Amino acid sequence: MSRTRLIACWIIGPLYAAFGVLHLAAVDSFLPIMPAWVPAPALVIQLTGLAEVAGGLGLLVPGLRRWAGLGLALYAIGVFPANLHHAFGGVHVPGLPDSWWYHGPRLAMQPVLVILALWAGGWLTPRQHCAGPR
């Protein structure tokens, strides 16, 4: 693993874990951005919080890093509808800006987060294989 990828894991891993704890601690704060079609929105917020904590911590464990990266990429794709609803649905969340100075970069960063998680997990780099007997 490259030093740069390792540093990235040690930066984004704790960040994801911290945001996961925030989701778990402030479920009610995230309810307004959930699209109406999402069943059991409070439970979904709790599950996404757990996914962020697990993925963030998983990036720190070499044996789990690959699957944590994939899980965080899927997580970022999965929460995108809520981010779209927040941006386009006129949803006000206390403590968050309502302007496109906030929503535009947030939406633009979503694909970057997917790619970053896959890269940190080693999905976008050539795998090293041991050559066995011939």
Protein backbone atom coordinates (compact mmCIF):
# COMPACT_ATOMS: atom_id res chain seq x y z
CA MET A 1 0.00 0.00 0.00
CA SER A 2 1.32 3.40 -0.88
CA ARG A 3 2.08 5.91 1.84
CA THR A 4 -0.40 8.35 0.26
CA ARG A 5 -3.25 5.81 0.38
CA LEU A 6 -2.40 4.94 3.97
CA ILE A 7 -2.47 8.60 4.97
CA ALA A 8 -5.82 8.98 3.17
CA CYS A 9 -7.22 6.03 5.12
CA TRP A 10 -6.09 7.61 8.38
CA ILE A 11 -7.73 10.90 7.44
CA ILE A 12 -11.02 9.82 5.90
CA GLY A 13 -11.51 6.80 8.17
CA PRO A 14 -11.86 8.82 11.39
CA LEU A 15 -13.87 11.50 9.53
CA TYR A 16 -16.41 8.94 8.34
CA ALA A 17 -16.55 7.41 11.82
CA ALA A 18 -17.14 10.83 13.38
CA PHE A 19 -19.94 11.64 10.92
CA GLY A 20 -21.43 8.24 11.69
CA VAL A 21 -21.47 9.04 15.39
CA LEU A 22 -23.14 12.35 14.52
CA HIS A 23 -25.84 10.49 12.58
CA LEU A 24 -26.41 8.22 15.57
CA ALA A 25 -26.44 11.06 18.11
CA ALA A 26 -28.65 13.46 16.14
CA VAL A 27 -31.11 11.29 14.22
CA ASP A 28 -33.85 13.94 14.44
CA SER A 29 -31.59 16.53 12.79
CA PHE A 30 -31.28 14.36 9.68
CA LEU A 31 -34.97 13.45 9.36
CA PRO A 32 -35.93 16.54 7.31
CA ILE A 33 -33.58 15.64 4.44
CA MET A 34 -34.98 12.13 4.04
CA PRO A 35 -37.17 11.72 0.95
CA ALA A 36 -40.77 10.77 1.75
CA TRP A 37 -40.43 7.42 -0.04
CA VAL A 38 -37.76 6.15 2.39
CA PRO A 39 -39.36 3.64 4.80
CA ALA A 40 -38.54 3.95 8.51
CA PRO A 41 -36.37 7.05 8.02
CA ALA A 42 -35.06 7.16 11.60
CA LEU A 43 -33.90 3.56 11.32
CA VAL A 44 -32.28 4.29 7.95
CA ILE A 45 -30.40 7.21 9.49
CA GLN A 46 -29.20 4.98 12.32
CA LEU A 47 -28.12 2.28 9.87
CA THR A 48 -26.25 4.81 7.73
CA GLY A 49 -24.55 6.07 10.88
CA LEU A 50 -23.48 2.54 11.75
CA ALA A 51 -22.27 2.04 8.17
CA GLU A 52 -20.15 5.19 8.39
CA VAL A 53 -18.65 4.12 11.72
CA ALA A 54 -17.94 0.59 10.49
CA GLY A 55 -16.51 1.77 7.17
CA GLY A 56 -14.43 4.50 8.76
CA LEU A 57 -12.94 2.14 11.32
CA GLY A 58 -12.56 -0.57 8.67
CA LEU A 59 -10.28 1.70 6.64
CA LEU A 60 -7.88 1.63 9.58
CA VAL A 61 -7.64 -2.19 9.67
CA PRO A 62 -5.53 -3.64 6.85
CA GLY A 63 -7.59 -6.85 6.61
CA LEU A 64 -10.85 -4.91 6.37
CA ARG A 65 -9.66 -1.92 4.34
CA ARG A 66 -10.67 -3.24 0.93
CA TRP A 67 -14.23 -4.09 1.94
CA ALA A 68 -14.57 -0.92 4.00
CA GLY A 69 -13.66 1.13 0.93
CA LEU A 70 -16.29 -0.65 -1.14
CA GLY A 71 -18.86 -0.25 1.63
CA LEU A 72 -18.20 3.48 1.95
CA ALA A 73 -18.46 3.92 -1.82
CA LEU A 74 -21.84 2.16 -1.80
CA TYR A 75 -22.87 4.22 1.21
CA ALA A 76 -22.05 7.47 -0.63
CA ILE A 77 -24.17 6.31 -3.56
CA GLY A 78 -26.99 5.25 -1.24
CA VAL A 79 -27.29 8.59 0.55
CA PHE A 80 -27.23 10.63 -2.65
CA PRO A 81 -31.05 10.72 -2.95
CA ALA A 82 -31.25 12.38 0.48
CA ASN A 83 -28.64 14.94 -0.58
CA LEU A 84 -30.62 15.64 -3.76
CA HIS A 85 -33.84 15.98 -1.76
CA HIS A 86 -32.11 18.37 0.61
CA ALA A 87 -30.79 20.50 -2.25
CA PHE A 88 -33.81 20.54 -4.55
CA GLY A 89 -36.67 20.02 -2.08
CA GLY A 90 -36.38 23.38 -0.35
CA VAL A 91 -35.64 21.57 2.91
CA HIS A 92 -34.33 23.78 5.70
CA VAL A 93 -32.13 22.14 8.29
CA PRO A 94 -31.21 24.30 11.28
CA GLY A 95 -27.47 24.87 11.40
CA LEU A 96 -26.91 24.16 7.69
CA PRO A 97 -26.81 26.77 4.92
CA ASP A 98 -29.68 26.87 2.43
CA SER A 99 -27.67 28.32 -0.43
CA TRP A 100 -26.15 26.72 -3.49
CA TRP A 101 -22.76 27.69 -2.10
CA TYR A 102 -23.40 24.73 0.22
CA HIS A 103 -25.50 22.37 -1.94
CA GLY A 104 -23.52 22.72 -5.17
CA PRO A 105 -20.14 21.64 -3.76
CA ARG A 106 -21.81 18.99 -1.60
CA LEU A 107 -23.48 17.37 -4.61
CA ALA A 108 -20.34 17.73 -6.74
CA MET A 109 -18.26 16.03 -4.04
CA GLN A 110 -20.44 12.91 -3.92
CA PRO A 111 -18.77 11.18 -6.90
CA VAL A 112 -15.39 12.25 -5.52
CA LEU A 113 -16.24 10.54 -2.22
CA VAL A 114 -17.17 7.35 -4.09
CA ILE A 115 -13.88 7.36 -5.99
CA LEU A 116 -11.87 8.27 -2.88
CA ALA A 117 -13.39 5.40 -0.89
CA LEU A 118 -12.69 2.93 -3.71
CA TRP A 119 -9.13 4.20 -4.07
CA ALA A 120 -8.47 4.11 -0.32
CA GLY A 121 -9.79 0.55 -0.23
CA GLY A 122 -7.46 -0.49 -3.03
CA TRP A 123 -10.14 -1.07 -5.66
CA LEU A 124 -8.60 1.37 -8.15
CA THR A 125 -5.01 0.17 -7.93
CA PRO A 126 -3.47 -2.97 -9.42
CA ARG A 127 -3.55 -5.88 -6.99
CA GLN A 128 -0.29 -7.55 -6.07
CA HIS A 129 -0.47 -11.30 -6.59
CA CYS A 130 2.07 -13.85 -5.50
CA ALA A 131 3.37 -15.98 -8.31
CA GLY A 132 2.75 -19.61 -7.45
CA PRO A 133 4.64 -22.64 -8.68
CA ARG A 134 4.44 -23.26 -12.41
